[in-house]
């Protein structure tokens, strides 16, 4: 567990939003652009579906961040093509 969540990987919106928010605050006043790498595979996730990656994208979009990279350890992005 982490931060009161028994399985943090099952909370993609919360953790992507919170960590991105912390980075944005840290970078305030600089010209740095945040481009997070988002998880696109099921490692440690018990509720993994094709909505997992879009949920993370929504978290960063809600903060005004619109660039990202999807990362899949197997380089298999077939599940996510339809979501975007």
N, C-alpha and C. Protein backbone atom coordinates (compact mmCIF):
# COMPACT_ATOMS: atom_id res chain seq x y z
N UNK A 1 0.80 -1.19 0.00
CA UNK A 1 0.00 0.00 0.00
C UNK A 1 0.84 1.25 0.00
N UNK A 2 0.19 2.37 -0.31
CA UNK A 2 0.87 3.66 -0.32
C UNK A 2 -0.19 4.74 -0.18
N UNK A 3 0.10 5.72 0.65
CA UNK A 3 -0.77 6.89 0.84
C UNK A 3 -2.21 6.51 1.20
N UNK A 4 -2.36 5.43 1.96
CA UNK A 4 -3.68 5.00 2.38
C UNK A 4 -4.43 4.14 1.38
N UNK A 5 -3.81 3.84 0.25
CA UNK A 5 -4.44 3.00 -0.77
C UNK A 5 -3.78 1.62 -0.74
N UNK A 6 -4.57 0.56 -0.58
CA UNK A 6 -3.99 -0.78 -0.49
C UNK A 6 -3.25 -1.19 -1.77
N UNK A 7 -3.73 -0.76 -2.93
CA UNK A 7 -3.07 -1.07 -4.20
C UNK A 7 -3.05 0.20 -5.06
N UNK A 8 -2.00 1.00 -4.97
CA UNK A 8 -1.96 2.27 -5.70
C UNK A 8 -2.16 2.13 -7.20
N UNK A 9 -1.75 1.02 -7.78
CA UNK A 9 -1.91 0.82 -9.22
C UNK A 9 -3.38 0.79 -9.64
N UNK A 10 -4.26 0.53 -8.71
CA UNK A 10 -5.70 0.52 -9.00
C UNK A 10 -6.33 1.91 -8.92
N UNK A 11 -5.53 2.92 -8.70
CA UNK A 11 -6.01 4.30 -8.57
C UNK A 11 -5.28 5.22 -9.55
N UNK A 12 -5.40 4.95 -10.86
CA UNK A 12 -4.61 5.71 -11.83
C UNK A 12 -4.90 7.20 -11.83
N UNK A 13 -6.15 7.59 -11.68
CA UNK A 13 -6.47 9.02 -11.70
C UNK A 13 -5.81 9.72 -10.52
N UNK A 14 -6.01 9.19 -9.34
CA UNK A 14 -5.51 9.83 -8.12
C UNK A 14 -4.00 10.04 -8.18
N UNK A 15 -3.26 8.99 -8.46
CA UNK A 15 -1.81 9.09 -8.37
C UNK A 15 -1.20 9.89 -9.52
N UNK A 16 -1.73 9.79 -10.71
CA UNK A 16 -1.22 10.61 -11.82
C UNK A 16 -1.55 12.08 -11.57
N UNK A 17 -2.75 12.35 -11.11
CA UNK A 17 -3.15 13.73 -10.83
C UNK A 17 -2.29 14.32 -9.72
N UNK A 18 -2.16 13.60 -8.63
CA UNK A 18 -1.43 14.11 -7.47
C UNK A 18 0.04 14.34 -7.79
N UNK A 19 0.70 13.37 -8.42
CA UNK A 19 2.11 13.52 -8.72
C UNK A 19 2.34 14.62 -9.76
N UNK A 20 1.47 14.71 -10.74
CA UNK A 20 1.60 15.77 -11.75
C UNK A 20 1.40 17.13 -11.12
N UNK A 21 0.44 17.23 -10.22
CA UNK A 21 0.20 18.48 -9.52
C UNK A 21 1.44 18.90 -8.71
N UNK A 22 2.05 17.95 -8.03
CA UNK A 22 3.27 18.24 -7.26
C UNK A 22 4.39 18.72 -8.18
N UNK A 23 4.56 18.06 -9.32
CA UNK A 23 5.60 18.48 -10.27
C UNK A 23 5.30 19.86 -10.82
N UNK A 24 4.05 20.13 -11.17
CA UNK A 24 3.71 21.45 -11.69
C UNK A 24 4.01 22.54 -10.67
N UNK A 25 3.70 22.29 -9.41
CA UNK A 25 4.01 23.26 -8.36
C UNK A 25 5.51 23.46 -8.22
N UNK A 26 6.26 22.38 -8.30
CA UNK A 26 7.71 22.45 -8.18
C UNK A 26 8.32 23.24 -9.35
N UNK A 27 7.74 23.08 -10.53
CA UNK A 27 8.27 23.71 -11.75
C UNK A 27 7.76 25.13 -11.96
N UNK A 28 6.86 25.58 -11.12
CA UNK A 28 6.28 26.92 -11.28
C UNK A 28 7.38 27.98 -11.37
N UNK A 29 7.21 28.89 -12.34
CA UNK A 29 8.18 29.95 -12.52
C UNK A 29 9.33 29.58 -13.46
N UNK A 30 9.31 28.35 -13.96
CA UNK A 30 10.33 27.92 -14.91
C UNK A 30 9.69 27.75 -16.28
N UNK A 31 10.50 27.50 -17.27
CA UNK A 31 9.98 27.24 -18.62
C UNK A 31 9.84 25.75 -18.89
N UNK A 32 9.95 24.95 -17.87
CA UNK A 32 9.87 23.50 -18.00
C UNK A 32 8.46 23.08 -18.37
N UNK A 33 8.36 22.10 -19.25
CA UNK A 33 7.08 21.55 -19.68
C UNK A 33 6.97 20.12 -19.16
N UNK A 34 5.89 19.81 -18.52
CA UNK A 34 5.65 18.46 -18.01
C UNK A 34 5.08 17.58 -19.10
N UNK A 35 5.74 16.46 -19.38
CA UNK A 35 5.26 15.44 -20.32
C UNK A 35 5.38 14.08 -19.62
N UNK A 36 4.37 13.70 -18.85
CA UNK A 36 4.47 12.46 -18.07
C UNK A 36 4.41 11.19 -18.92
N UNK A 37 5.07 10.18 -18.45
CA UNK A 37 4.97 8.84 -19.00
C UNK A 37 3.84 8.15 -18.23
N UNK A 38 2.87 7.63 -18.94
CA UNK A 38 1.71 7.00 -18.33
C UNK A 38 1.76 5.49 -18.55
N UNK A 39 1.30 4.76 -17.56
CA UNK A 39 1.33 3.30 -17.61
C UNK A 39 0.27 2.76 -18.55
N UNK A 40 0.69 1.90 -19.49
CA UNK A 40 -0.24 1.29 -20.44
C UNK A 40 -0.08 -0.23 -20.43
N UNK A 41 0.02 -0.79 -19.25
CA UNK A 41 0.09 -2.24 -19.08
C UNK A 41 -0.40 -2.57 -17.67
N UNK A 42 -0.68 -3.84 -17.44
CA UNK A 42 -1.43 -4.23 -16.25
C UNK A 42 -0.60 -4.59 -15.02
N UNK A 43 0.67 -4.25 -14.98
CA UNK A 43 1.49 -4.62 -13.83
C UNK A 43 0.89 -4.10 -12.52
N UNK A 44 0.61 -5.01 -11.62
CA UNK A 44 0.06 -4.73 -10.28
C UNK A 44 -1.35 -4.13 -10.30
N UNK A 45 -2.01 -4.11 -11.44
CA UNK A 45 -3.36 -3.54 -11.54
C UNK A 45 -4.37 -4.69 -11.51
N UNK A 46 -5.34 -4.61 -10.60
CA UNK A 46 -6.35 -5.68 -10.53
C UNK A 46 -7.60 -5.35 -11.34
N UNK A 47 -7.74 -4.08 -11.76
CA UNK A 47 -8.94 -3.66 -12.49
C UNK A 47 -8.57 -3.08 -13.87
N UNK A 48 -7.59 -3.69 -14.54
CA UNK A 48 -7.06 -3.14 -15.79
C UNK A 48 -8.01 -3.36 -16.96
N UNK A 49 -8.37 -2.25 -17.62
CA UNK A 49 -9.22 -2.30 -18.82
C UNK A 49 -8.68 -1.27 -19.81
N UNK A 50 -9.34 -1.16 -20.95
CA UNK A 50 -8.93 -0.17 -21.95
C UNK A 50 -9.16 1.25 -21.46
N UNK A 51 -9.86 1.43 -20.35
CA UNK A 51 -10.09 2.76 -19.78
C UNK A 51 -8.93 3.22 -18.89
N UNK A 52 -7.98 2.36 -18.60
CA UNK A 52 -6.90 2.69 -17.67
C UNK A 52 -6.06 3.87 -18.16
N UNK A 53 -5.56 3.79 -19.38
CA UNK A 53 -4.73 4.88 -19.91
C UNK A 53 -5.54 6.17 -20.08
N UNK A 54 -6.74 6.13 -20.65
CA UNK A 54 -7.52 7.37 -20.76
C UNK A 54 -7.83 8.01 -19.40
N UNK A 55 -7.95 7.21 -18.36
CA UNK A 55 -8.17 7.76 -17.02
C UNK A 55 -6.96 8.58 -16.58
N UNK A 56 -5.78 8.11 -16.88
CA UNK A 56 -4.57 8.86 -16.55
C UNK A 56 -4.48 10.14 -17.39
N UNK A 57 -4.85 10.05 -18.66
CA UNK A 57 -4.84 11.22 -19.52
C UNK A 57 -5.81 12.27 -18.99
N UNK A 58 -6.97 11.83 -18.53
CA UNK A 58 -7.94 12.77 -17.96
C UNK A 58 -7.35 13.47 -16.74
N UNK A 59 -6.61 12.73 -15.93
CA UNK A 59 -6.00 13.33 -14.74
C UNK A 59 -5.06 14.47 -15.10
N UNK A 60 -4.22 14.28 -16.12
CA UNK A 60 -3.30 15.36 -16.49
C UNK A 60 -4.03 16.47 -17.24
N UNK A 61 -5.01 16.12 -18.06
CA UNK A 61 -5.79 17.15 -18.75
C UNK A 61 -6.50 18.07 -17.75
N UNK A 62 -6.99 17.50 -16.67
CA UNK A 62 -7.66 18.30 -15.65
C UNK A 62 -6.73 19.33 -15.01
N UNK A 63 -5.43 19.11 -15.15
CA UNK A 63 -4.43 20.05 -14.64
C UNK A 63 -3.90 20.98 -15.73
N UNK A 64 -4.41 20.82 -16.94
CA UNK A 64 -3.93 21.65 -18.05
C UNK A 64 -2.69 21.11 -18.72
N UNK A 65 -2.38 19.85 -18.50
CA UNK A 65 -1.23 19.20 -19.15
C UNK A 65 -1.80 18.37 -20.30
N UNK A 66 -1.27 18.61 -21.50
CA UNK A 66 -1.85 17.93 -22.67
C UNK A 66 -0.87 17.07 -23.44
N UNK A 67 0.35 16.97 -23.02
CA UNK A 67 1.31 16.08 -23.67
C UNK A 67 1.63 14.92 -22.75
N UNK A 68 1.83 13.75 -23.32
CA UNK A 68 2.15 12.58 -22.52
C UNK A 68 2.77 11.52 -23.42
N UNK A 69 3.33 10.50 -22.79
CA UNK A 69 3.83 9.31 -23.48
C UNK A 69 3.20 8.12 -22.80
N UNK A 70 2.67 7.18 -23.59
CA UNK A 70 2.20 5.93 -23.02
C UNK A 70 3.38 4.96 -23.01
N UNK A 71 3.51 4.22 -21.92
CA UNK A 71 4.58 3.24 -21.82
C UNK A 71 3.98 1.87 -21.56
N UNK A 72 4.35 0.93 -22.41
CA UNK A 72 3.96 -0.46 -22.23
C UNK A 72 5.23 -1.29 -22.25
N UNK A 73 5.50 -2.01 -21.18
CA UNK A 73 6.74 -2.77 -21.04
C UNK A 73 6.91 -3.82 -22.13
N UNK A 74 5.82 -4.31 -22.70
CA UNK A 74 5.87 -5.30 -23.78
C UNK A 74 5.78 -4.66 -25.15
N UNK A 75 5.68 -3.35 -25.20
CA UNK A 75 5.53 -2.61 -26.45
C UNK A 75 4.27 -3.06 -27.21
N UNK A 76 3.22 -3.34 -26.47
CA UNK A 76 1.96 -3.78 -27.06
C UNK A 76 0.88 -2.75 -26.67
N UNK A 77 0.46 -1.96 -27.67
CA UNK A 77 -0.47 -0.89 -27.41
C UNK A 77 -1.85 -1.14 -28.03
N UNK A 78 -2.09 -2.37 -28.49
CA UNK A 78 -3.33 -2.70 -29.20
C UNK A 78 -4.58 -2.35 -28.38
N UNK A 79 -4.55 -2.61 -27.08
CA UNK A 79 -5.72 -2.35 -26.24
C UNK A 79 -6.08 -0.87 -26.23
N UNK A 80 -5.10 -0.01 -26.40
CA UNK A 80 -5.32 1.42 -26.22
C UNK A 80 -5.59 2.19 -27.52
N UNK A 81 -5.33 1.62 -28.67
CA UNK A 81 -5.57 2.35 -29.91
C UNK A 81 -7.00 2.85 -30.02
N UNK A 82 -7.96 2.01 -29.70
CA UNK A 82 -9.37 2.39 -29.79
C UNK A 82 -9.79 3.45 -28.80
N UNK A 83 -9.08 3.55 -27.70
CA UNK A 83 -9.42 4.53 -26.67
C UNK A 83 -9.02 5.95 -27.06
N UNK A 84 -8.12 6.06 -27.99
CA UNK A 84 -7.65 7.38 -28.41
C UNK A 84 -8.09 7.62 -29.82
